[in-house]
Amino acid sequence: MHEKKPKHATQAQHNHEHLCCIEGKIDKVSEQVEFLKSSIGDRIMEAIQNFASRVKASFQKIGTSIDGVSADVTELKRIITEIQNSPGTLTPEDQASLDEAEALATEIVTRLEALDAATEPAVIPVPTP
């Protein structure tokens, strides 16, 4: 004859199997969550590193531009001093120096405007509550 198990034992075994199945699924979900956290963290770090590289390159370009403008200003000052130290009336050489100073001043303005246009305002992230 076939021996019958008590109903509560079968139900308990079924519950245990079901609980083990749920625990397995929870473990898989936990693994997936950890993978996503790691992946998101990697993406964030990569984005930060890319941003930092772009900012560094921009600062290098700005530094080069500033050096150029500084040299131009020094040359402009030299020309102005030369004109101021010229005695008497305006000579053709003085007029050439004035024209050179004006051209250099215009070039400096153009370069500064280009530098200003090349720099973008910082984007400040809004924190989420």
Protein backbone atom coordinates (compact mmCIF):
# COMPACT_ATOMS: atom_id res chain seq x y z
CA MET A 1 0.00 0.00 0.00
CA HIS A 2 0.94 3.48 -0.60
CA GLU A 3 1.69 5.46 2.52
CA LYS A 4 0.08 8.86 2.66
CA LYS A 5 2.07 11.77 4.06
CA PRO A 6 0.29 14.20 6.28
CA LYS A 7 -1.02 17.20 4.37
CA HIS A 8 0.81 19.74 6.54
CA ALA A 9 4.17 18.02 5.84
CA THR A 10 3.60 18.23 2.11
CA GLN A 11 2.50 21.84 2.45
CA ALA A 12 5.56 22.63 4.60
CA GLN A 13 7.84 21.02 2.05
CA HIS A 14 6.13 22.94 -0.73
CA ASN A 15 6.53 26.18 1.24
CA HIS A 16 10.19 25.41 1.86
CA GLU A 17 10.79 24.77 -1.86
CA HIS A 18 8.92 27.94 -2.73
CA LEU A 19 10.96 29.91 -0.17
CA CYS A 20 14.22 28.50 -1.60
CA CYS A 21 13.08 29.53 -5.08
CA ILE A 22 12.29 33.05 -3.86
CA GLU A 23 15.67 33.28 -2.10
CA GLY A 24 17.39 32.24 -5.34
CA LYS A 25 15.54 34.93 -7.24
CA ILE A 26 16.41 37.51 -4.58
CA ASP A 27 20.09 36.52 -4.87
CA LYS A 28 19.95 36.96 -8.65
CA VAL A 29 18.28 40.35 -8.30
CA SER A 30 20.88 41.38 -5.71
CA GLU A 31 23.66 40.37 -8.11
CA GLN A 32 22.04 42.35 -10.90
CA VAL A 33 21.66 45.40 -8.64
CA GLU A 34 25.34 45.19 -7.67
CA PHE A 35 26.30 44.89 -11.34
CA LEU A 36 24.18 47.92 -12.21
CA LYS A 37 25.64 49.94 -9.34
CA SER A 38 29.15 49.04 -10.49
CA SER A 39 28.30 49.79 -14.12
CA ILE A 40 26.70 53.14 -13.27
CA GLY A 41 29.66 54.02 -11.06
CA ASP A 42 32.03 53.20 -13.91
CA ARG A 43 30.00 55.33 -16.32
CA ILE A 44 29.94 58.25 -13.89
CA MET A 45 33.70 58.03 -13.35
CA GLU A 46 34.29 57.84 -17.10
CA ALA A 47 32.09 60.89 -17.65
CA ILE A 48 33.96 62.78 -14.92
CA GLN A 49 37.33 61.84 -16.42
CA ASN A 50 36.20 62.88 -19.92
CA PHE A 51 34.90 66.17 -18.56
CA ALA A 52 38.14 66.80 -16.67
CA SER A 53 40.17 66.13 -19.84
CA ARG A 54 38.06 68.58 -21.85
CA VAL A 55 38.32 71.23 -19.14
CA LYS A 56 42.10 70.74 -18.92
CA ALA A 57 42.40 71.15 -22.70
CA SER A 58 40.29 74.30 -22.53
CA PHE A 59 42.45 75.73 -19.75
CA GLN A 60 45.56 75.01 -21.81
CA LYS A 61 44.04 76.86 -24.79
CA ILE A 62 43.03 79.74 -22.53
CA GLY A 63 46.56 79.88 -21.08
CA THR A 64 48.05 80.02 -24.58
CA SER A 65 45.61 82.76 -25.56
CA ILE A 66 46.40 84.76 -22.43
CA ASP A 67 50.12 84.46 -23.15
CA GLY A 68 49.52 85.77 -26.66
CA VAL A 69 47.41 88.67 -25.44
CA SER A 70 50.00 89.50 -22.79
CA ALA A 71 52.74 89.65 -25.45
CA ASP A 72 50.49 91.85 -27.61
CA VAL A 73 49.85 94.25 -24.72
CA THR A 74 53.60 94.47 -24.03
CA GLU A 75 54.22 95.31 -27.69
CA LEU A 76 51.40 97.88 -27.66
CA LYS A 77 52.93 99.55 -24.59
CA ARG A 78 56.30 99.65 -26.35
CA ILE A 79 54.77 101.35 -29.38
CA ILE A 80 52.91 103.89 -27.24
CA THR A 81 56.09 104.69 -25.28
CA GLU A 82 57.97 105.12 -28.54
CA ILE A 83 55.32 107.55 -29.83
CA GLN A 84 55.24 109.48 -26.56
CA ASN A 85 59.02 109.88 -26.62
CA SER A 86 59.00 111.21 -30.18
CA PRO A 87 59.80 114.95 -30.14
CA GLY A 88 58.02 117.52 -32.26
CA THR A 89 55.41 117.01 -34.94
CA LEU A 90 53.92 113.76 -36.17
CA THR A 91 56.33 112.17 -38.62
CA PRO A 92 55.45 109.44 -41.13
CA GLU A 93 57.19 107.00 -38.76
CA ASP A 94 55.02 108.24 -35.88
CA GLN A 95 51.90 107.78 -38.02
CA ALA A 96 53.06 104.26 -38.91
CA SER A 97 53.55 103.52 -35.20
CA LEU A 98 50.05 104.86 -34.46
CA ASP A 99 48.59 102.72 -37.23
CA GLU A 100 50.49 99.69 -35.90
CA ALA A 101 49.24 100.36 -32.35
CA GLU A 102 45.66 100.69 -33.57
CA ALA A 103 45.89 97.45 -35.57
CA LEU A 104 47.40 95.63 -32.59
CA ALA A 105 44.68 96.96 -30.25
CA THR A 106 42.01 95.80 -32.71
CA GLU A 107 43.66 92.37 -32.91
CA ILE A 108 43.73 92.11 -29.09
CA VAL A 109 40.02 92.95 -28.90
CA THR A 110 39.24 90.34 -31.56
CA ARG A 111 41.27 87.68 -29.75
CA LEU A 112 39.67 88.50 -26.40
CA GLU A 113 36.21 88.29 -27.94
CA ALA A 114 37.11 84.90 -29.46
CA LEU A 115 38.44 83.74 -26.09
CA ASP A 116 35.23 84.87 -24.40
CA ALA A 117 33.14 83.07 -27.03
CA ALA A 118 35.20 79.89 -26.61
CA THR A 119 34.57 79.66 -22.89
CA GLU A 120 31.22 78.23 -21.94
CA PRO A 121 29.56 79.03 -18.65
CA ALA A 122 29.85 76.25 -16.11
CA VAL A 123 26.87 73.94 -15.84
CA ILE A 124 26.07 73.51 -12.19
CA PRO A 125 24.15 70.30 -11.51
CA VAL A 126 21.02 70.65 -9.45
CA PRO A 127 21.04 68.19 -6.54
CA THR A 128 18.05 65.92 -6.28
CA PRO A 129 16.47 65.55 -2.89
